[in-house]
Amino acid sequence: MTGVQTCALPIYTRTGAPYFKPYTVLHRKGLKIAVLGMITPGIPKWLPQHLWDGIEFEDMIGTARKWVPLIQEKEHPDLLIGLFHAGYNYNYAGENKDTPRNENATMLVARQVEGFDIIVSGHDHQEKVEEITNDAGHKVLIVDARSHARALGKITVSLTRHAGHYDKTYTAELIDPAKAPRDTAYLRKFTPALNQVKAYIDTPIGEFTETLSGREGLFGPSAFTDFIHNAQLRETRADVSFSTVLQMDAKIAQGEITIRDMFNLYKYENGLYLMKFTGQEIDRYLEYAYQLQYNTMTSAQDRKSTRLNSRHLGISYAVFCLKKQYPSPRSVNEIPEC
């Protein structure tokens, strides 16, 4: 959809006005196409408030019910497309169809809000090509092309003029980008920006005298977690540091390191927080983290299927290590020393 400007609802200012342009209208070969953009209202669950202060996140279904009639009345589009950053499964993370501000409301909007012809979605990293019948009895095509440019969504729309309106049919497929022809115009437009990003992340920032391995950090002290702990303690002057191994197989090789390498430590823009804890709160925090990290063994046969969870938490200046050949201890205090 070349020419679509940034549009994102249900984000509003505290005055009730849309924070971004809510929709855009395209004119293609005599057709008028309206594109309504919406983003998941789950953002406040992940990002600290100072990153979105002054913004209100409303429910996607309610927002669509407000804007679709306005678009239809003002623009009279031949085709209405929803462009959503939201997933398909509205039951994800214990939510359901009645959950206010549902994080993944794509299917709910498609079913409950009359007017959409096509919805292009993404957020849950799942591929989806499905035509549903909404509550009003009309067909709506939903297309989700996974994530990380692993697929391209291609939608073909056929419109036949009939008695003052268009009869519409849609087909869609997901294409492997490696098998698609190179778009020279696209490459020409974005290659300069891509080269800028590459130059930045390849900037040298230091040198490691040994290789850092995330896997080692799961079972005891390691250079990988020490590097994170030392950086956190130096910046905050705290007494205790908590960190996590986000990717068990993350590795940074010995030698010169760049900004690119740092994404092997923490892939996303994680924040650093300084908090006050009592000794009891630290103990409970570790107990909770330990339960997330390892399954409790109930018999000798369980040793063959011990599951690790990537949400590992380590604590600086207190050594905790699980001997993986032993049954799971009952508490953090009973973990054998390395």
Protein backbone atom coordinates (compact mmCIF):
# COMPACT_ATOMS: atom_id res chain seq x y z
CA MET A 1 0.00 0.00 0.00
CA THR A 2 2.43 2.60 -1.23
CA GLY A 3 1.49 6.10 -0.07
CA VAL A 4 -0.09 5.15 3.27
CA GLN A 5 0.96 7.69 5.88
CA THR A 6 1.44 6.86 9.55
CA CYS A 7 -1.92 6.17 11.09
CA ALA A 8 -2.52 4.65 14.50
CA LEU A 9 -5.64 4.44 16.63
CA PRO A 10 -6.78 3.87 19.36
CA ILE A 11 -4.15 6.38 20.59
CA TYR A 12 -5.53 9.70 21.77
CA THR A 13 -4.28 12.77 23.58
CA ARG A 14 -5.85 13.50 26.93
CA THR A 15 -8.08 16.05 25.19
CA GLY A 16 -9.68 13.18 23.27
CA ALA A 17 -8.14 14.11 19.92
CA PRO A 18 -6.34 11.41 17.88
CA TYR A 19 -2.61 11.49 18.54
CA PHE A 20 -1.90 10.46 14.94
CA LYS A 21 -3.80 10.84 11.71
CA PRO A 22 -6.48 8.13 12.10
CA TYR A 23 -6.95 7.16 8.47
CA THR A 24 -5.78 7.94 4.97
CA VAL A 25 -7.48 7.83 1.57
CA LEU A 26 -5.81 6.47 -1.57
CA HIS A 27 -6.97 6.93 -5.16
CA ARG A 28 -6.00 4.05 -7.44
CA LYS A 29 -7.31 3.57 -11.00
CA GLY A 30 -10.53 5.37 -10.29
CA LEU A 31 -11.13 3.65 -6.96
CA LYS A 32 -11.27 5.32 -3.56
CA ILE A 33 -9.57 3.24 -0.88
CA ALA A 34 -9.70 4.18 2.82
CA VAL A 35 -7.12 2.73 5.23
CA LEU A 36 -7.85 2.85 8.97
CA GLY A 37 -4.85 2.16 11.17
CA MET A 38 -5.01 0.78 14.71
CA ILE A 39 -2.40 -0.42 17.17
CA THR A 40 -2.72 -2.71 20.17
CA PRO A 41 -3.72 -0.93 23.39
CA GLY A 42 -1.43 -3.32 25.29
CA ILE A 43 1.57 -0.98 25.05
CA PRO A 44 1.26 0.39 28.63
CA LYS A 45 1.82 -3.17 29.89
CA TRP A 46 5.30 -3.27 28.32
CA LEU A 47 6.68 0.25 28.25
CA PRO A 48 7.26 2.71 31.12
CA GLN A 49 4.90 5.65 31.24
CA HIS A 50 7.50 8.29 30.46
CA LEU A 51 7.68 6.87 26.92
CA TRP A 52 3.97 7.43 26.27
CA ASP A 53 3.05 10.15 28.77
CA GLY A 54 0.18 12.29 27.50
CA ILE A 55 -1.29 9.44 25.44
CA GLU A 56 -4.44 7.42 26.16
CA PHE A 57 -4.93 3.90 24.72
CA GLU A 58 -8.54 2.98 24.05
CA ASP A 59 -10.26 -0.27 23.09
CA MET A 60 -9.85 -1.28 19.43
CA ILE A 61 -13.46 -2.45 18.99
CA GLY A 62 -14.93 0.76 20.40
CA THR A 63 -12.51 2.84 18.34
CA ALA A 64 -13.41 1.02 15.12
CA ARG A 65 -17.12 1.44 15.85
CA LYS A 66 -16.53 5.17 16.14
CA TRP A 67 -14.36 5.72 13.06
CA VAL A 68 -15.75 3.31 10.46
CA PRO A 69 -19.15 5.09 10.23
CA LEU A 70 -17.36 8.46 10.10
CA ILE A 71 -15.17 7.28 7.23
CA GLN A 72 -18.10 5.82 5.35
CA GLU A 73 -20.20 8.97 5.76
CA LYS A 74 -17.45 11.41 4.83
CA GLU A 75 -15.36 9.50 2.29
CA HIS A 76 -17.74 6.91 0.74
CA PRO A 77 -14.81 4.56 -0.04
CA ASP A 78 -15.07 1.75 -2.57
CA LEU A 79 -12.79 -0.35 -0.33
CA LEU A 80 -12.09 -0.11 3.41
CA ILE A 81 -8.87 -1.69 4.66
CA GLY A 82 -7.86 -2.10 8.30
CA LEU A 83 -4.12 -1.87 8.98
CA PHE A 84 -3.64 -3.25 12.51
CA HIS A 85 -0.66 -3.85 14.75
CA ALA A 86 -2.55 -6.43 16.80
CA GLY A 87 -2.71 -10.21 16.86
CA TYR A 88 -5.40 -12.71 15.84
CA ASN A 89 -5.87 -14.76 19.03
CA TYR A 90 -7.98 -12.68 21.42
CA ASN A 91 -7.61 -15.39 24.12
CA TYR A 92 -3.85 -14.84 24.37
CA ALA A 93 -2.43 -14.36 27.90
CA GLY A 94 -5.73 -15.23 29.58
CA GLU A 95 -7.77 -12.52 27.87
CA ASN A 96 -11.12 -13.15 26.18
CA LYS A 97 -13.62 -11.46 23.86
CA ASP A 98 -14.98 -9.37 26.75
CA THR A 99 -11.59 -8.17 28.02
CA PRO A 100 -11.44 -4.35 27.81
CA ARG A 101 -8.54 -3.12 25.66
CA ASN A 102 -7.83 -6.64 24.42
CA GLU A 103 -4.23 -6.80 23.20
CA ASN A 104 -5.02 -8.95 20.14
CA ALA A 105 -8.41 -7.78 18.92
CA THR A 106 -8.03 -8.24 15.15
CA MET A 107 -10.59 -11.05 14.91
CA LEU A 108 -12.97 -9.28 17.30
CA VAL A 109 -12.95 -6.13 15.18
CA ALA A 110 -13.37 -8.12 11.97
CA ARG A 111 -16.41 -9.96 13.34
CA GLN A 112 -18.13 -7.22 15.30
CA VAL A 113 -17.50 -4.03 13.32
CA GLU A 114 -19.31 -3.86 9.98
CA GLY A 115 -17.61 -2.11 7.08
CA PHE A 116 -14.15 -3.61 6.67
CA ASP A 117 -13.34 -5.44 3.44
CA ILE A 118 -9.76 -6.47 4.29
CA ILE A 119 -7.70 -6.39 7.48
CA VAL A 120 -3.91 -6.59 7.30
CA SER A 121 -2.55 -7.39 10.75
CA GLY A 122 0.62 -8.25 12.60
CA HIS A 123 1.90 -8.47 16.19
CA ASP A 124 1.68 -12.12 17.18
CA HIS A 125 4.29 -13.33 14.61
CA GLN A 126 1.79 -15.90 13.30
CA GLU A 127 0.86 -16.33 9.65
CA LYS A 128 -2.80 -16.09 8.79
CA VAL A 129 -4.82 -15.97 5.57
CA GLU A 130 -8.50 -16.39 6.39
CA GLU A 131 -11.80 -15.11 5.08
CA ILE A 132 -14.45 -14.87 7.79
CA THR A 133 -18.12 -13.94 7.82
CA ASN A 134 -18.77 -11.05 10.19
CA ASP A 135 -21.82 -10.63 12.42
CA ALA A 136 -23.58 -8.68 9.66
CA GLY A 137 -23.15 -11.57 7.21
CA HIS A 138 -20.44 -9.99 5.05
CA LYS A 139 -17.06 -11.46 4.11
CA VAL A 140 -13.86 -10.00 5.60
CA LEU A 141 -10.36 -11.12 4.56
CA ILE A 142 -7.67 -11.24 7.29
CA VAL A 143 -3.99 -11.46 6.29
CA ASP A 144 -1.01 -11.65 8.68
CA ALA A 145 2.43 -12.13 7.11
CA ARG A 146 4.23 -13.37 10.25
CA SER A 147 7.29 -11.32 11.30
CA HIS A 148 10.89 -10.34 10.53
CA ALA A 149 10.12 -10.16 6.79
CA ARG A 150 9.86 -13.96 6.64
CA ALA A 151 6.81 -13.66 4.39
CA LEU A 152 5.17 -11.15 2.10
CA GLY A 153 1.41 -10.90 1.92
CA LYS A 154 -0.10 -10.57 -1.56
CA ILE A 155 -3.78 -9.68 -1.85
CA THR A 156 -5.66 -9.59 -5.15
CA VAL A 157 -8.95 -7.70 -5.20
CA SER A 158 -11.50 -8.07 -8.01
CA LEU A 159 -14.29 -5.49 -8.23
CA THR A 160 -17.25 -5.67 -10.58
CA ARG A 161 -19.58 -2.69 -10.91
CA HIS A 162 -23.17 -3.74 -10.31
CA ALA A 163 -26.27 -1.59 -9.72
CA GLY A 164 -24.39 1.38 -8.28
CA HIS A 165 -21.95 -0.59 -6.12
CA TYR A 166 -19.05 -3.00 -6.45
CA ASP A 167 -19.21 -6.76 -6.05
CA LYS A 168 -15.90 -7.71 -4.45
CA THR A 169 -13.88 -10.90 -4.34
CA TYR A 170 -10.47 -11.39 -2.74
CA THR A 171 -7.64 -13.87 -2.91
CA ALA A 172 -4.48 -13.82 -0.80
CA GLU A 173 -1.24 -15.71 -0.40
CA LEU A 174 1.98 -15.50 1.60
CA ILE A 175 5.17 -15.39 -0.47
CA ASP A 176 8.69 -16.38 0.53
CA PRO A 177 10.74 -13.16 0.04
CA ALA A 178 13.76 -15.21 -1.03
CA LYS A 179 11.76 -16.42 -4.04
CA ALA A 180 10.25 -13.05 -4.94
CA PRO A 181 11.78 -10.80 -7.62
CA ARG A 182 13.81 -7.86 -6.31
CA ASP A 183 11.91 -4.58 -6.33
CA THR A 184 14.48 -2.12 -7.67
CA ALA A 185 12.42 0.97 -6.77
CA TYR A 186 12.00 -0.23 -3.18
CA LEU A 187 15.70 -0.99 -2.84
CA ARG A 188 16.67 2.35 -4.32
CA LYS A 189 14.48 4.21 -1.83
CA PHE A 190 15.51 2.38 1.35
CA THR A 191 19.13 1.33 0.75
CA PRO A 192 20.60 4.66 1.98
CA ALA A 193 18.73 4.34 5.30
CA LEU A 194 19.74 0.67 5.59
CA ASN A 195 23.40 1.59 5.09
CA GLN A 196 23.14 4.23 7.81
CA VAL A 197 21.80 1.67 10.28
CA LYS A 198 24.52 -0.84 9.35
CA ALA A 199 27.23 1.77 9.83
CA TYR A 200 25.87 2.60 13.27
CA ILE A 201 25.53 -0.94 14.60
CA ASP A 202 28.98 -1.87 13.26
CA THR A 203 30.61 0.92 15.29
CA PRO A 204 33.40 -0.56 17.52
CA ILE A 205 32.85 0.14 21.23
CA GLY A 206 35.44 -2.04 22.96
CA GLU A 207 37.07 -5.44 23.24
CA PHE A 208 36.35 -8.65 25.14
CA THR A 209 39.26 -10.72 26.36
CA GLU A 210 37.12 -13.89 26.42
CA THR A 211 33.99 -15.20 24.76
CA LEU A 212 30.66 -14.51 26.52
CA SER A 213 28.10 -17.32 26.47
CA GLY A 214 24.48 -17.02 27.59
CA ARG A 215 24.25 -20.77 28.17
CA GLU A 216 26.87 -20.61 30.91
CA GLY A 217 24.82 -17.97 32.70
CA LEU A 218 21.95 -20.41 33.23
CA PHE A 219 23.87 -22.69 35.58
CA GLY A 220 26.21 -20.45 37.56
CA PRO A 221 28.49 -17.44 37.50
CA SER A 222 29.60 -16.48 34.02
CA ALA A 223 31.34 -13.68 32.14
CA PHE A 224 28.05 -13.10 30.30
CA THR A 225 26.03 -12.20 33.40
CA ASP A 226 29.00 -10.59 35.16
CA PHE A 227 29.27 -8.10 32.32
CA ILE A 228 25.62 -7.09 32.76
CA HIS A 229 25.80 -7.00 36.56
CA ASN A 230 28.96 -4.88 36.59
CA ALA A 231 27.44 -2.37 34.17
CA GLN A 232 24.24 -2.11 36.23
CA LEU A 233 26.03 -1.78 39.55
CA ARG A 234 28.41 0.84 38.19
CA GLU A 235 25.60 2.97 36.77
CA THR A 236 23.23 2.71 39.75
CA ARG A 237 25.65 2.23 42.71
CA ALA A 238 23.15 -0.35 43.99
CA ASP A 239 23.97 -3.17 46.41
CA VAL A 240 22.33 -5.95 44.41
CA SER A 241 21.83 -6.52 40.70
CA PHE A 242 19.26 -8.68 38.94
CA SER A 243 19.68 -9.69 35.31
CA THR A 244 18.33 -12.24 32.87
CA VAL A 245 19.62 -14.41 30.06
CA LEU A 246 17.11 -13.57 27.34
CA GLN A 247 18.62 -15.93 24.76
CA MET A 248 20.20 -19.13 26.05
CA ASP A 249 22.43 -19.54 22.99
CA ALA A 250 23.47 -15.88 22.79
CA LYS A 251 27.23 -15.54 22.33
CA ILE A 252 29.69 -12.68 21.85
CA ALA A 253 33.07 -13.81 20.55
CA GLN A 254 36.37 -12.77 22.02
CA GLY A 255 37.89 -9.70 20.36
CA GLU A 256 36.55 -6.36 19.12
CA ILE A 257 32.89 -5.76 19.91
CA THR A 258 30.38 -3.47 18.23
CA ILE A 259 26.98 -2.02 19.00
CA ARG A 260 25.54 -4.94 17.02
CA ASP A 261 26.98 -7.38 19.57
CA MET A 262 25.12 -5.68 22.42
CA PHE A 263 21.81 -6.86 20.97
CA ASN A 264 22.93 -10.40 21.84
CA LEU A 265 22.80 -9.35 25.49
CA TYR A 266 19.48 -7.52 25.46
CA LYS A 267 17.58 -7.63 22.19
CA TYR A 268 15.10 -4.89 23.02
CA GLU A 269 15.32 -1.43 24.60
CA ASN A 270 15.11 -2.65 28.18
CA GLY A 271 15.10 -0.04 30.95
CA LEU A 272 17.32 -0.01 34.02
CA TYR A 273 15.49 0.62 37.31
CA LEU A 274 16.76 1.38 40.80
CA MET A 275 14.40 0.02 43.45
CA LYS A 276 14.35 -0.49 47.23
CA PHE A 277 13.86 -4.08 48.43
CA THR A 278 13.78 -5.71 51.83
CA GLY A 279 15.66 -8.96 52.36
CA GLN A 280 12.36 -10.84 52.44
CA GLU A 281 11.29 -9.29 49.11
CA ILE A 282 14.58 -10.34 47.51
CA ASP A 283 14.09 -13.88 48.79
CA ARG A 284 10.51 -14.04 47.45
CA TYR A 285 11.65 -12.58 44.13
CA LEU A 286 14.27 -15.28 43.74
CA GLU A 287 11.82 -18.02 44.71
CA TYR A 288 9.38 -16.77 42.09
CA ALA A 289 12.08 -16.55 39.43
CA TYR A 290 13.36 -20.03 40.26
CA GLN A 291 9.89 -21.50 39.82
CA LEU A 292 9.67 -19.91 36.38
CA GLN A 293 13.13 -21.13 35.44
CA TYR A 294 12.94 -24.85 36.21
CA ASN A 295 10.28 -27.52 36.32
CA THR A 296 10.04 -29.34 39.65
CA MET A 297 11.08 -33.00 39.31
CA THR A 298 8.61 -35.51 40.71
CA SER A 299 10.48 -38.73 39.88
CA ALA A 300 13.82 -40.01 38.56
CA GLN A 301 12.33 -40.21 35.07
CA ASP A 302 11.87 -36.43 35.03
CA ARG A 303 15.63 -35.94 34.72
CA LYS A 304 15.43 -36.65 31.00
CA SER A 305 12.93 -33.87 30.35
CA THR A 306 14.04 -30.99 32.55
CA ARG A 307 12.73 -27.81 30.95
CA LEU A 308 14.51 -24.48 31.13
CA ASN A 309 12.62 -21.22 30.80
CA SER A 310 14.45 -18.25 29.28
CA ARG A 311 13.26 -15.92 32.05
CA HIS A 312 16.37 -16.62 34.10
CA LEU A 313 17.24 -14.30 36.97
CA GLY A 314 20.67 -14.17 38.57
CA ILE A 315 21.73 -12.13 41.60
CA SER A 316 25.14 -10.52 41.88
CA TYR A 317 27.32 -11.27 44.90
CA ALA A 318 25.18 -14.27 45.87
CA VAL A 319 25.97 -17.49 44.02
CA PHE A 320 23.07 -19.74 43.08
CA CYS A 321 23.71 -22.82 41.01
CA LEU A 322 21.61 -25.87 40.19
CA LYS A 323 23.47 -29.15 39.66
CA LYS A 324 21.39 -30.44 36.76
CA GLN A 325 22.00 -34.10 37.66
CA TYR A 326 20.23 -33.61 41.01
CA PRO A 327 16.47 -33.43 41.66
CA SER A 328 15.13 -29.89 41.84
CA PRO A 329 15.64 -28.38 45.33
CA ARG A 330 12.62 -27.20 47.25
CA SER A 331 13.79 -23.61 47.61
CA VAL A 332 16.46 -21.17 46.58
CA ASN A 333 18.23 -21.63 49.92
CA GLU A 334 18.74 -25.33 49.13
CA ILE A 335 20.46 -24.89 45.77
CA PRO A 336 23.87 -26.60 45.98
CA GLU A 337 26.84 -24.26 45.66
CA CYS A 338 28.96 -24.45 42.52
